[in-house]
C-alpha atoms as a PDB file:
ATOM      1  CA  UNK A   1     -16.698 -31.513  10.729  1.00  0.00           C
ATOM      2  CA  UNK A   2     -18.133 -29.212  13.465  1.00  0.00           C
ATOM      3  CA  UNK A   3     -20.870 -28.027  11.411  1.00  0.00           C
ATOM      4  CA  UNK A   4     -18.192 -27.012   8.596  1.00  0.00           C
ATOM      5  CA  UNK A   5     -16.291 -25.136  10.875  1.00  0.00           C
ATOM      6  CA  UNK A   6     -19.409 -23.078  12.120  1.00  0.00           C
ATOM      7  CA  UNK A   7     -20.548 -22.327   8.400  1.00  0.00           C
ATOM      8  CA  UNK A   8     -17.806 -20.285   7.790  1.00  0.00           C
ATOM      9  CA  UNK A   9     -18.231 -20.288   4.093  1.00  0.00           C
ATOM     10  CA  UNK A  10     -21.846 -19.793   4.764  1.00  0.00           C
ATOM     11  CA  UNK A  11     -21.300 -16.968   6.818  1.00  0.00           C
ATOM     12  CA  UNK A  12     -18.347 -15.461   3.998  1.00  0.00           C
ATOM     13  CA  UNK A  13     -21.244 -15.916   1.289  1.00  0.00           C
ATOM     14  CA  UNK A  14     -23.968 -14.282   3.424  1.00  0.00           C
ATOM     15  CA  UNK A  15     -22.121 -10.820   3.362  1.00  0.00           C
ATOM     16  CA  UNK A  16     -21.418 -10.762  -0.407  1.00  0.00           C
ATOM     17  CA  UNK A  17     -24.782  -9.583  -2.523  1.00  0.00           C
ATOM     18  CA  UNK A  18     -25.103 -12.334  -5.089  1.00  0.00           C
ATOM     19  CA  UNK A  19     -25.206  -9.321  -7.826  1.00  0.00           C
ATOM     20  CA  UNK A  20     -21.641  -8.921  -6.762  1.00  0.00           C
ATOM     21  CA  UNK A  21     -19.779 -12.009  -6.626  1.00  0.00           C
ATOM     22  CA  UNK A  22     -19.252 -12.581 -10.320  1.00  0.00           C
ATOM     23  CA  UNK A  23     -17.188  -9.005 -10.150  1.00  0.00           C
ATOM     24  CA  UNK A  24     -15.923 -10.200  -6.962  1.00  0.00           C
ATOM     25  CA  UNK A  25     -14.376 -13.521  -8.705  1.00  0.00           C
ATOM     26  CA  UNK A  26     -13.256 -11.338 -11.836  1.00  0.00           C
ATOM     27  CA  UNK A  27     -11.310  -9.422  -9.110  1.00  0.00           C
ATOM     28  CA  UNK A  28      -9.866 -12.446  -7.487  1.00  0.00           C
ATOM     29  CA  UNK A  29      -8.634 -13.779 -10.645  1.00  0.00           C
ATOM     30  CA  UNK A  30      -6.567 -10.818 -11.181  1.00  0.00           C
ATOM     31  CA  UNK A  31      -4.820 -11.065  -8.220  1.00  0.00           C
ATOM     32  CA  UNK A  32      -4.370 -15.150  -8.829  1.00  0.00           C
ATOM     33  CA  UNK A  33      -6.855 -16.676  -6.666  1.00  0.00           C
ATOM     34  CA  UNK A  34      -8.634 -19.093  -8.571  1.00  0.00           C
ATOM     35  CA  UNK A  35     -11.715 -19.301  -6.068  1.00  0.00           C
ATOM     36  CA  UNK A  36     -13.300 -16.546  -3.881  1.00  0.00           C
ATOM     37  CA  UNK A  37     -12.280 -17.173  -0.474  1.00  0.00           C
ATOM     38  CA  UNK A  38     -15.236 -17.238   1.282  1.00  0.00           C
ATOM     39  CA  UNK A  39     -14.263 -19.244   4.416  1.00  0.00           C
ATOM     40  CA  UNK A  40     -11.524 -16.616   4.727  1.00  0.00           C
ATOM     41  CA  UNK A  41     -14.602 -14.220   4.969  1.00  0.00           C
ATOM     42  CA  UNK A  42     -16.440 -15.675   7.604  1.00  0.00           C
ATOM     43  CA  UNK A  43     -13.573 -16.570   9.648  1.00  0.00           C
ATOM     44  CA  UNK A  44     -13.011 -12.399   9.356  1.00  0.00           C
ATOM     45  CA  UNK A  45     -16.446 -12.387  10.464  1.00  0.00           C
ATOM     46  CA  UNK A  46     -15.865 -14.156  13.624  1.00  0.00           C
ATOM     47  CA  UNK A  47     -13.051 -12.239  14.389  1.00  0.00           C
ATOM     48  CA  UNK A  48     -14.798  -8.932  14.257  1.00  0.00           C
ATOM     49  CA  UNK A  49     -17.261 -10.399  16.620  1.00  0.00           C
ATOM     50  CA  UNK A  50     -14.687 -11.529  19.073  1.00  0.00           C
ATOM     51  CA  UNK A  51     -13.203  -8.154  19.130  1.00  0.00           C
ATOM     52  CA  UNK A  52     -16.327  -6.582  19.438  1.00  0.00           C
ATOM     53  CA  UNK A  53     -17.278  -8.764  22.161  1.00  0.00           C
ATOM     54  CA  UNK A  54     -14.169  -8.113  24.347  1.00  0.00           C
ATOM     55  CA  UNK A  55     -14.382  -4.330  23.862  1.00  0.00           C
ATOM     56  CA  UNK A  56     -17.978  -4.562  24.737  1.00  0.00           C
ATOM     57  CA  UNK A  57     -17.370  -6.184  27.815  1.00  0.00           C
ATOM     58  CA  UNK A  58     -14.255  -4.601  28.702  1.00  0.00           C
ATOM     59  CA  UNK A  59     -15.117  -1.045  27.993  1.00  0.00           C
ATOM     60  CA  UNK A  60     -17.959  -0.117  26.864  1.00  0.00           C
ATOM     61  CA  UNK A  61     -20.657  -1.828  28.758  1.00  0.00           C
ATOM     62  CA  UNK A  62     -19.188  -0.743  32.516  1.00  0.00           C
ATOM     63  CA  UNK A  63     -19.259   2.632  31.261  1.00  0.00           C
ATOM     64  CA  UNK A  64     -22.981   2.382  30.087  1.00  0.00           C
ATOM     65  CA  UNK A  65     -23.976   0.457  33.260  1.00  0.00           C
ATOM     66  CA  UNK A  66     -22.478   3.895  35.432  1.00  0.00           C
ATOM     67  CA  UNK A  67     -23.985   6.126  33.367  1.00  0.00           C
ATOM     68  CA  UNK A  68     -27.418   5.314  32.014  1.00  0.00           C
ATOM     69  CA  UNK A  69     -30.607   3.690  33.052  1.00  0.00           C
ATOM     70  CA  UNK A  70     -31.508   0.182  32.212  1.00  0.00           C
ATOM     71  CA  UNK A  71     -33.564   0.707  29.149  1.00  0.00           C
ATOM     72  CA  UNK A  72     -30.841   3.432  27.754  1.00  0.00           C
ATOM     73  CA  UNK A  73     -28.216   0.623  28.754  1.00  0.00           C
ATOM     74  CA  UNK A  74     -30.025  -1.494  26.444  1.00  0.00           C
ATOM     75  CA  UNK A  75     -30.456   0.752  23.485  1.00  0.00           C
ATOM     76  CA  UNK A  76     -27.103   1.937  23.539  1.00  0.00           C
ATOM     77  CA  UNK A  77     -25.460  -1.646  24.189  1.00  0.00           C
ATOM     78  CA  UNK A  78     -27.026  -2.390  20.871  1.00  0.00           C
ATOM     79  CA  UNK A  79     -25.883   0.697  19.142  1.00  0.00           C
ATOM     80  CA  UNK A  80     -22.495   0.323  20.259  1.00  0.00           C
ATOM     81  CA  UNK A  81     -22.114  -3.272  19.292  1.00  0.00           C
ATOM     82  CA  UNK A  82     -23.494  -2.611  16.087  1.00  0.00           C
ATOM     83  CA  UNK A  83     -21.255   0.596  15.220  1.00  0.00           C
ATOM     84  CA  UNK A  84     -17.918  -0.872  16.706  1.00  0.00           C
ATOM     85  CA  UNK A  85     -18.648  -4.008  14.848  1.00  0.00           C
ATOM     86  CA  UNK A  86     -19.370  -2.129  11.464  1.00  0.00           C
ATOM     87  CA  UNK A  87     -15.941  -0.565  12.218  1.00  0.00           C
ATOM     88  CA  UNK A  88     -14.220  -3.434  12.296  1.00  0.00           C
ATOM     89  CA  UNK A  89     -15.457  -5.352   9.459  1.00  0.00           C
ATOM     90  CA  UNK A  90     -14.977  -1.757   7.556  1.00  0.00           C
ATOM     91  CA  UNK A  91     -11.236  -1.958   8.313  1.00  0.00           C
ATOM     92  CA  UNK A  92     -10.650  -5.779   7.619  1.00  0.00           C
ATOM     93  CA  UNK A  93     -12.398  -4.832   4.244  1.00  0.00           C
ATOM     94  CA  UNK A  94     -10.269  -2.070   3.215  1.00  0.00           C
ATOM     95  CA  UNK A  95      -6.911  -4.039   4.563  1.00  0.00           C
ATOM     96  CA  UNK A  96      -7.949  -6.905   2.197  1.00  0.00           C
ATOM     97  CA  UNK A  97      -8.943  -4.566  -0.676  1.00  0.00           C
ATOM     98  CA  UNK A  98      -5.562  -2.959  -0.167  1.00  0.00           C
ATOM     99  CA  UNK A  99      -3.595  -6.179  -0.324  1.00  0.00           C
ATOM    100  CA  UNK A 100      -5.642  -7.656  -3.036  1.00  0.00           C
ATOM    101  CA  UNK A 101      -4.937  -4.350  -5.232  1.00  0.00           C
ATOM    102  CA  UNK A 102      -1.782  -4.170  -4.430  1.00  0.00           C
ATOM    103  CA  UNK A 103      -1.025  -7.921  -5.377  1.00  0.00           C
ATOM    104  CA  UNK A 104      -2.874  -7.048  -8.950  1.00  0.00           C
ATOM    105  CA  UNK A 105      -0.688  -3.975  -9.101  1.00  0.00           C
ATOM    106  CA  UNK A 106       2.561  -5.748  -8.589  1.00  0.00           C
ATOM    107  CA  UNK A 107       1.240  -8.667 -10.587  1.00  0.00           C
ATOM    108  CA  UNK A 108       0.340  -6.051 -13.623  1.00  0.00           C
ATOM    109  CA  UNK A 109       4.027  -4.298 -13.333  1.00  0.00           C
ATOM    110  CA  UNK A 110       5.929  -8.262 -13.636  1.00  0.00           C
ATOM    111  CA  UNK A 111       3.674  -8.610 -16.614  1.00  0.00           C
ATOM    112  CA  UNK A 112       4.982  -5.663 -18.374  1.00  0.00           C
ATOM    113  CA  UNK A 113       8.806  -5.964 -17.348  1.00  0.00           C
ATOM    114  CA  UNK A 114       8.510  -9.656 -19.065  1.00  0.00           C
ATOM    115  CA  UNK A 115       6.427  -8.865 -22.545  1.00  0.00           C
ATOM    116  CA  UNK A 116       9.138  -7.978 -24.523  1.00  0.00           C
ATOM    117  CA  UNK A 117      10.901 -11.146 -23.764  1.00  0.00           C
ATOM    118  CA  UNK A 118       8.095 -12.922 -24.181  1.00  0.00           C
ATOM    119  CA  UNK A 119       7.019 -11.152 -27.707  1.00  0.00           C
ATOM    120  CA  UNK A 120      11.028 -11.888 -28.921  1.00  0.00           C
ATOM    121  CA  UNK A 121      10.208 -15.940 -28.573  1.00  0.00           C
ATOM    122  CA  UNK A 122       6.591 -15.580 -29.748  1.00  0.00           C
ATOM    123  CA  UNK A 123       8.385 -14.113 -33.239  1.00  0.00           C
ATOM    124  CA  UNK A 124      11.099 -16.460 -32.868  1.00  0.00           C
ATOM    125  CA  UNK A 125       8.436 -19.157 -33.449  1.00  0.00           C
ATOM    126  CA  UNK A 126       6.736 -17.321 -35.740  1.00  0.00           C
ATOM    127  CA  UNK A 127       9.708 -17.163 -38.097  1.00  0.00           C
ATOM    128  CA  UNK A 128      10.292 -20.790 -37.679  1.00  0.00           C
ATOM    129  CA  UNK A 129       7.142 -21.418 -39.946  1.00  0.00           C
ATOM    130  CA  UNK A 130       4.615 -21.871 -36.714  1.00  0.00           C
ATOM    131  CA  UNK A 131       0.803 -20.651 -36.723  1.00  0.00           C
ATOM    132  CA  UNK A 132       0.375 -17.947 -34.578  1.00  0.00           C
ATOM    133  CA  UNK A 133      -2.121 -20.179 -32.252  1.00  0.00           C
ATOM    134  CA  UNK A 134       0.992 -22.624 -32.357  1.00  0.00           C
ATOM    135  CA  UNK A 135       3.706 -19.982 -31.792  1.00  0.00           C
ATOM    136  CA  UNK A 136       1.510 -18.743 -28.451  1.00  0.00           C
ATOM    137  CA  UNK A 137       1.327 -22.144 -27.002  1.00  0.00           C
ATOM    138  CA  UNK A 138       5.060 -22.614 -27.828  1.00  0.00           C
ATOM    139  CA  UNK A 139       5.903 -19.039 -26.252  1.00  0.00           C
ATOM    140  CA  UNK A 140       4.612 -20.008 -22.625  1.00  0.00           C
ATOM    141  CA  UNK A 141       8.236 -20.911 -21.059  1.00  0.00           C
ATOM    142  CA  UNK A 142       8.370 -21.278 -17.294  1.00  0.00           C
ATOM    143  CA  UNK A 143      10.726 -18.070 -16.697  1.00  0.00           C
ATOM    144  CA  UNK A 144       7.122 -16.164 -17.551  1.00  0.00           C
ATOM    145  CA  UNK A 145       5.785 -17.014 -14.493  1.00  0.00           C
ATOM    146  CA  UNK A 146       3.045 -14.210 -14.035  1.00  0.00           C
ATOM    147  CA  UNK A 147       2.853 -13.748 -17.952  1.00  0.00           C
ATOM    148  CA  UNK A 148       3.421 -17.151 -18.823  1.00  0.00           C
ATOM    149  CA  UNK A 149       0.806 -18.352 -16.628  1.00  0.00           C
ATOM    150  CA  UNK A 150      -2.150 -16.010 -18.207  1.00  0.00           C
ATOM    151  CA  UNK A 151      -1.262 -16.306 -21.610  1.00  0.00           C
ATOM    152  CA  UNK A 152      -1.346 -20.359 -21.058  1.00  0.00           C
ATOM    153  CA  UNK A 153      -4.999 -19.643 -20.293  1.00  0.00           C
ATOM    154  CA  UNK A 154      -5.359 -17.455 -23.232  1.00  0.00           C
ATOM    155  CA  UNK A 155      -3.995 -20.083 -25.222  1.00  0.00           C
ATOM    156  CA  UNK A 156      -6.158 -23.123 -23.884  1.00  0.00           C
ATOM    157  CA  UNK A 157      -9.182 -21.088 -24.759  1.00  0.00           C
ATOM    158  CA  UNK A 158      -7.984 -20.585 -28.451  1.00  0.00           C
ATOM    159  CA  UNK A 159      -7.420 -24.401 -28.306  1.00  0.00           C
ATOM    160  CA  UNK A 160     -11.345 -25.177 -26.948  1.00  0.00           C
ATOM    161  CA  UNK A 161     -12.807 -22.989 -30.263  1.00  0.00           C
ATOM    162  CA  UNK A 162     -12.145 -19.143 -28.684  1.00  0.00           C
ATOM    163  CA  UNK A 163     -11.263 -16.971 -31.638  1.00  0.00           C
ATOM    164  CA  UNK A 164      -7.565 -16.018 -31.043  1.00  0.00           C
ATOM    165  CA  UNK A 165      -8.486 -11.829 -30.754  1.00  0.00           C
ATOM    166  CA  UNK A 166     -11.411 -12.611 -28.204  1.00  0.00           C
ATOM    167  CA  UNK A 167      -8.999 -14.514 -25.872  1.00  0.00           C
ATOM    168  CA  UNK A 168      -6.031 -11.899 -26.227  1.00  0.00           C
ATOM    169  CA  UNK A 169      -8.838  -8.817 -25.922  1.00  0.00           C
ATOM    170  CA  UNK A 170     -10.183 -10.521 -22.485  1.00  0.00           C
ATOM    171  CA  UNK A 171      -6.179 -10.866 -21.063  1.00  0.00           C
ATOM    172  CA  UNK A 172      -5.735  -7.210 -22.247  1.00  0.00           C
ATOM    173  CA  UNK A 173      -8.955  -6.023 -20.542  1.00  0.00           C
ATOM    174  CA  UNK A 174      -8.175  -8.311 -17.329  1.00  0.00           C
ATOM    175  CA  UNK A 175      -5.464  -5.821 -16.220  1.00  0.00           C
ATOM    176  CA  UNK A 176      -5.083  -2.338 -15.846  1.00  0.00           C
ATOM    177  CA  UNK A 177      -1.976  -2.046 -18.481  1.00  0.00           C
ATOM    178  CA  UNK A 178      -1.979   0.698 -21.077  1.00  0.00           C
ATOM    179  CA  UNK A 179       0.833  -1.123 -22.906  1.00  0.00           C
ATOM    180  CA  UNK A 180      -0.505  -4.696 -22.797  1.00  0.00           C
ATOM    181  CA  UNK A 181      -3.667  -3.465 -24.194  1.00  0.00           C
ATOM    182  CA  UNK A 182      -1.899  -1.465 -27.070  1.00  0.00           C
ATOM    183  CA  UNK A 183       0.213  -4.459 -27.712  1.00  0.00           C
ATOM    184  CA  UNK A 184      -2.383  -6.697 -27.966  1.00  0.00           C
ATOM    185  CA  UNK A 185      -4.808  -4.180 -30.187  1.00  0.00           C
ATOM    186  CA  UNK A 186      -1.607  -4.013 -32.604  1.00  0.00           C
ATOM    187  CA  UNK A 187      -1.177  -7.658 -32.745  1.00  0.00           C
ATOM    188  CA  UNK A 188      -4.759  -8.674 -33.352  1.00  0.00           C
ATOM    189  CA  UNK A 189      -5.292  -5.826 -35.827  1.00  0.00           C
ATOM    190  CA  UNK A 190      -2.152  -7.154 -37.930  1.00  0.00           C
ATOM    191  CA  UNK A 191      -3.912 -10.960 -37.673  1.00  0.00           C
ATOM    192  CA  UNK A 192      -7.138 -10.006 -38.814  1.00  0.00           C
ATOM    193  CA  UNK A 193      -5.421  -8.030 -42.018  1.00  0.00           C
ATOM    194  CA  UNK A 194      -3.259 -11.010 -42.676  1.00  0.00           C
ATOM    195  CA  UNK A 195       0.100  -9.249 -42.936  1.00  0.00           C
ATOM    196  CA  UNK A 196       3.457 -10.116 -41.171  1.00  0.00           C
ATOM    197  CA  UNK A 197       3.010 -10.563 -37.318  1.00  0.00           C
ATOM    198  CA  UNK A 198       6.200 -11.593 -36.759  1.00  0.00           C
ATOM    199  CA  UNK A 199       7.640  -7.970 -38.258  1.00  0.00           C
ATOM    200  CA  UNK A 200       5.110  -6.031 -36.234  1.00  0.00           C
ATOM    201  CA  UNK A 201       6.188  -8.055 -32.816  1.00  0.00           C
ATOM    202  CA  UNK A 202       9.823  -7.415 -33.757  1.00  0.00           C
ATOM    203  CA  UNK A 203       9.255  -3.512 -34.204  1.00  0.00           C
ATOM    204  CA  UNK A 204       6.958  -3.979 -30.813  1.00  0.00           C
ATOM    205  CA  UNK A 205       9.774  -5.393 -28.796  1.00  0.00           C
ATOM    206  CA  UNK A 206      12.255  -2.512 -29.925  1.00  0.00           C
ATOM    207  CA  UNK A 207       9.884   0.272 -29.095  1.00  0.00           C
ATOM    208  CA  UNK A 208       9.116  -1.745 -25.275  1.00  0.00           C
ATOM    209  CA  UNK A 209      12.893  -1.813 -25.008  1.00  0.00           C
ATOM    210  CA  UNK A 210      13.245   1.610 -26.062  1.00  0.00           C
ATOM    211  CA  UNK A 211      10.478   3.080 -23.633  1.00  0.00           C
ATOM    212  CA  UNK A 212      11.679   1.204 -20.834  1.00  0.00           C
ATOM    213  CA  UNK A 213      15.819   2.366 -21.429  1.00  0.00           C
ATOM    214  CA  UNK A 214      13.806   5.941 -21.345  1.00  0.00           C
ATOM    215  CA  UNK A 215      11.925   5.607 -18.172  1.00  0.00           C
ATOM    216  CA  UNK A 216      15.241   3.833 -16.611  1.00  0.00           C
ATOM    217  CA  UNK A 217      17.081   7.479 -17.648  1.00  0.00           C
ATOM    218  CA  UNK A 218      14.457   9.282 -15.868  1.00  0.00           C
ATOM    219  CA  UNK A 219      14.160   7.436 -12.978  1.00  0.00           C
ATOM    220  CA  UNK A 220      18.451   7.882 -12.775  1.00  0.00           C
ATOM    221  CA  UNK A 221      17.901  11.434 -13.590  1.00  0.00           C
ATOM    222  CA  UNK A 222      15.852  11.941 -10.600  1.00  0.00           C
ATOM    223  CA  UNK A 223      17.976  10.446  -8.034  1.00  0.00           C
ATOM    224  CA  UNK A 224      19.183  13.477  -7.103  1.00  0.00           C
ATOM    225  CA  UNK A 225      15.965  14.679  -5.837  1.00  0.00           C
ATOM    226  CA  UNK A 226      15.586  11.323  -4.172  1.00  0.00           C
ATOM    227  CA  UNK A 227      18.481  11.688  -2.076  1.00  0.00           C
ATOM    228  CA  UNK A 228      17.983  15.360  -1.111  1.00  0.00           C
ATOM    229  CA  UNK A 229      14.582  14.481  -0.259  1.00  0.00           C
ATOM    230  CA  UNK A 230      15.583  11.268   1.622  1.00  0.00           C
ATOM    231  CA  UNK A 231      18.545  13.224   3.700  1.00  0.00           C
ATOM    232  CA  UNK A 232      16.094  16.131   4.704  1.00  0.00           C
ATOM    233  CA  UNK A 233      13.020  13.652   5.754  1.00  0.00           C
ATOM    234  CA  UNK A 234      15.414  10.771   7.613  1.00  0.00           C
ATOM    235  CA  UNK A 235      18.369  12.960   9.225  1.00  0.00           C
ATOM    236  CA  UNK A 236      18.036  16.823   9.244  1.00  0.00           C
ATOM    237  CA  UNK A 237      14.055  16.656  10.414  1.00  0.00           C
ATOM    238  CA  UNK A 238      14.558  14.264  13.498  1.00  0.00           C
ATOM    239  CA  UNK A 239      17.929  16.490  14.307  1.00  0.00           C
ATOM    240  CA  UNK A 240      15.928  19.344  14.134  1.00  0.00           C
ATOM    241  CA  UNK A 241      12.990  18.601  16.024  1.00  0.00           C
ATOM    242  CA  UNK A 242      15.458  16.836  18.876  1.00  0.00           C
ATOM    243  CA  UNK A 243      17.541  20.203  18.913  1.00  0.00           C
ATOM    244  CA  UNK A 244      14.005  22.043  19.562  1.00  0.00           C
ATOM    245  CA  UNK A 245      13.058  19.792  22.226  1.00  0.00           C
ATOM    246  CA  UNK A 246      16.279  20.410  23.981  1.00  0.00           C
ATOM    247  CA  UNK A 247      16.379  24.284  23.737  1.00  0.00           C
ATOM    248  CA  UNK A 248      12.780  24.361  24.759  1.00  0.00           C
ATOM    249  CA  UNK A 249      13.950  22.564  28.178  1.00  0.00           C
ATOM    250  CA  UNK A 250      16.829  24.868  28.503  1.00  0.00           C
ATOM    251  CA  UNK A 251      14.969  27.885  27.877  1.00  0.00           C
ATOM    252  CA  UNK A 252      12.284  26.406  30.339  1.00  0.00           C
ATOM    253  CA  UNK A 253      15.126  25.763  33.015  1.00  0.00           C
ATOM    254  CA  UNK A 254      16.522  29.009  32.348  1.00  0.00           C
ATOM    255  CA  UNK A 255      13.362  31.234  32.690  1.00  0.00           C
ATOM    256  CA  UNK A 256      12.671  28.893  35.611  1.00  0.00           C
ATOM    257  CA  UNK A 257      15.720  30.358  37.767  1.00  0.00           C
ATOM    258  CA  UNK A 258      14.816  33.797  36.062  1.00  0.00           C
ATOM    259  CA  UNK A 259      11.248  33.597  37.430  1.00  0.00           C
ATOM    260  CA  UNK A 260      12.364  32.456  41.391  1.00  0.00           C
ATOM    261  CA  UNK A 261      15.318  35.000  41.350  1.00  0.00           C
ATOM    262  CA  UNK A 262      12.859  37.921  40.360  1.00  0.00           C
ATOM    263  CA  UNK A 263      10.533  37.244  43.091  1.00  0.00           C
ATOM    264  CA  UNK A 264      13.428  37.336  45.784  1.00  0.00           C
ATOM    265  CA  UNK A 265      14.660  40.478  44.285  1.00  0.00           C
ATOM    266  CA  UNK A 266      11.426  42.700  45.129  1.00  0.00           C
ATOM    267  CA  UNK A 267      12.938  46.005  43.804  1.00  0.00           C
ATOM    268  CA  UNK A 268      12.422  44.834  40.334  1.00  0.00           C
ATOM    269  CA  UNK A 269       9.992  46.356  38.132  1.00  0.00           C
ATOM    270  CA  UNK A 270       9.207  43.215  36.589  1.00  0.00           C
ATOM    271  CA  UNK A 271       8.835  39.528  37.319  1.00  0.00           C
ATOM    272  CA  UNK A 272       9.092  36.223  35.313  1.00  0.00           C
ATOM    273  CA  UNK A 273       6.584  33.620  35.226  1.00  0.00           C
ATOM    274  CA  UNK A 274       6.998  30.120  34.713  1.00  0.00           C
ATOM    275  CA  UNK A 275       6.879  28.587  31.481  1.00  0.00           C
ATOM    276  CA  UNK A 276       3.456  26.839  30.832  1.00  0.00           C
ATOM    277  CA  UNK A 277       4.397  24.446  27.939  1.00  0.00           C
ATOM    278  CA  UNK A 278       4.776  20.560  28.863  1.00  0.00           C
ATOM    279  CA  UNK A 279       7.853  19.434  26.768  1.00  0.00           C
ATOM    280  CA  UNK A 280       6.117  15.634  26.646  1.00  0.00           C
ATOM    281  CA  UNK A 281       3.398  17.639  24.716  1.00  0.00           C
ATOM    282  CA  UNK A 282       6.200  18.451  22.650  1.00  0.00           C
ATOM    283  CA  UNK A 283       7.800  15.387  22.185  1.00  0.00           C
ATOM    284  CA  UNK A 284       4.535  13.502  21.111  1.00  0.00           C
ATOM    285  CA  UNK A 285       3.800  15.972  18.632  1.00  0.00           C
ATOM    286  CA  UNK A 286       7.685  15.643  16.916  1.00  0.00           C
ATOM    287  CA  UNK A 287       6.919  12.124  16.855  1.00  0.00           C
ATOM    288  CA  UNK A 288       3.556  12.431  15.226  1.00  0.00           C
ATOM    289  CA  UNK A 289       5.116  15.287  12.968  1.00  0.00           C
ATOM    290  CA  UNK A 290       7.970  13.035  12.010  1.00  0.00           C
ATOM    291  CA  UNK A 291       5.526  10.430  11.405  1.00  0.00           C
ATOM    292  CA  UNK A 292       3.631  12.465   8.982  1.00  0.00           C
ATOM    293  CA  UNK A 293       6.470  13.921   6.808  1.00  0.00           C
ATOM    294  CA  UNK A 294       7.999  10.809   6.368  1.00  0.00           C
ATOM    295  CA  UNK A 295       4.761   8.959   5.093  1.00  0.00           C
ATOM    296  CA  UNK A 296       4.089  11.168   2.721  1.00  0.00           C
ATOM    297  CA  UNK A 297       8.067  12.001   1.651  1.00  0.00           C
ATOM    298  CA  UNK A 298       7.834   8.423   1.060  1.00  0.00           C
ATOM    299  CA  UNK A 299       5.091   8.904  -1.453  1.00  0.00           C
ATOM    300  CA  UNK A 300       6.504  11.814  -3.089  1.00  0.00           C
ATOM    301  CA  UNK A 301       9.765   9.597  -3.983  1.00  0.00           C
ATOM    302  CA  UNK A 302       7.827   6.845  -4.949  1.00  0.00           C
ATOM    303  CA  UNK A 303       5.909   9.017  -7.466  1.00  0.00           C
ATOM    304  CA  UNK A 304       9.422  10.981  -8.794  1.00  0.00           C
ATOM    305  CA  UNK A 305      11.380   7.728  -8.974  1.00  0.00           C
ATOM    306  CA  UNK A 306       8.510   5.141 -10.117  1.00  0.00           C
ATOM    307  CA  UNK A 307       5.893   7.295 -11.292  1.00  0.00           C
ATOM    308  CA  UNK A 308       2.827   6.402  -8.865  1.00  0.00           C
ATOM    309  CA  UNK A 309       2.479   5.948  -5.329  1.00  0.00           C
ATOM    310  CA  UNK A 310       1.687   2.065  -5.273  1.00  0.00           C
ATOM    311  CA  UNK A 311       5.310   1.262  -6.509  1.00  0.00           C
ATOM    312  CA  UNK A 312       7.325   2.830  -3.824  1.00  0.00           C
ATOM    313  CA  UNK A 313       5.410   1.796  -0.698  1.00  0.00           C
ATOM    314  CA  UNK A 314       7.877  -0.233   0.266  1.00  0.00           C
ATOM    315  CA  UNK A 315       9.847   3.353   1.366  1.00  0.00           C
ATOM    316  CA  UNK A 316       7.260   3.390   3.601  1.00  0.00           C
ATOM    317  CA  UNK A 317       8.990   1.608   6.790  1.00  0.00           C
ATOM    318  CA  UNK A 318      11.671   2.759   5.748  1.00  0.00           C
ATOM    319  CA  UNK A 319      11.255   6.686   5.759  1.00  0.00           C
ATOM    320  CA  UNK A 320       8.949   6.045   8.917  1.00  0.00           C
ATOM    321  CA  UNK A 321      11.034   3.395  11.018  1.00  0.00           C
ATOM    322  CA  UNK A 322      14.506   5.097  10.143  1.00  0.00           C
ATOM    323  CA  UNK A 323      13.434   8.849  10.815  1.00  0.00           C
ATOM    324  CA  UNK A 324      11.729   7.796  14.239  1.00  0.00           C
ATOM    325  CA  UNK A 325      14.831   5.921  15.351  1.00  0.00           C
ATOM    326  CA  UNK A 326      17.000   8.540  14.309  1.00  0.00           C
ATOM    327  CA  UNK A 327      15.007  11.058  16.307  1.00  0.00           C
ATOM    328  CA  UNK A 328      15.473   8.866  19.490  1.00  0.00           C
ATOM    329  CA  UNK A 329      19.128   8.684  18.745  1.00  0.00           C
ATOM    330  CA  UNK A 330      19.458  11.982  18.559  1.00  0.00           C
ATOM    331  CA  UNK A 331      17.697  12.828  21.644  1.00  0.00           C
ATOM    332  CA  UNK A 332      19.881  10.769  23.670  1.00  0.00           C
ATOM    333  CA  UNK A 333      22.708  12.732  22.150  1.00  0.00           C
ATOM    334  CA  UNK A 334      21.686  15.829  22.386  1.00  0.00           C
ATOM    335  CA  UNK A 335      20.365  15.431  25.502  1.00  0.00           C
ATOM    336  CA  UNK A 336      23.923  14.450  26.850  1.00  0.00           C
ATOM    337  CA  UNK A 337      25.485  17.514  25.607  1.00  0.00           C
ATOM    338  CA  UNK A 338      22.628  19.995  26.556  1.00  0.00           C
ATOM    339  CA  UNK A 339      22.382  18.063  30.436  1.00  0.00           C
ATOM    340  CA  UNK A 340      25.732  19.926  31.456  1.00  0.00           C
ATOM    341  CA  UNK A 341      24.247  23.537  30.764  1.00  0.00           C
ATOM    342  CA  UNK A 342      22.009  24.327  33.628  1.00  0.00           C
END
């Protein structure tokens, strides 16, 4: 099949060290990938090679050919090709890592949300007289999509000879969730001591629900800060930058007329010179400043409301595009208002 589509999988494996492959597989399992997508990695290599070739042919090589001799062109061509390819490869690796890290984060949060309901079903099964292994398998329901699939894997391990504590510990260690880890540790300790696991699980469910209620209450209490920051960033900041731009245009026009008038009136002891500020530079600075302010403000709002930055990445496009769109809208409105003054 076209040499396995030009050795996509082979190229993908070639750039992943053998010692790193087991860790990569465990990391991909966290993101719900059963296999490492080596073909996708190989495809990324071809994409970076194609982008490097286009940039080199269109921009780099014509510049080097004009500026340097043949030997210098050869050396610098190799270095520039290597650096461009390295840049794109690093960029794609960071993007893939960012995507996988976000997916793992959202899977972890989904599991934490589903944990109290799952424990309730598990407790009901135990109270019905099932063994813990059987109760764990019976608690896996379709509505527990993320947590259910992970618990199903743990139950299958138990059925094939794994110890219950070992299977649950591997599940807890797989994800960076303090809630899941503490819950699993308490259940394992109760199983090993021979205590009433159903009663412990009921207390855990009550504590988890109480914790969730407290988090929701804290999030609701912070809504005033979120609204304040949102109004300042999305509305007030673009309005002030648009107003500053139009005031700059007004001042430049005013000083320009004064400069002409003072040059004609030779008896005056002073002369107004023209303003050397370029309004378009200020406009570009305004857009860049609004982008930076919006980006970091969305992260601050995420920390205030969710407690971490990853949980509020959805706010970034809302803040950035909203504030920049309002900036251009205010520019049109204020431009029409200030247009008739001078």
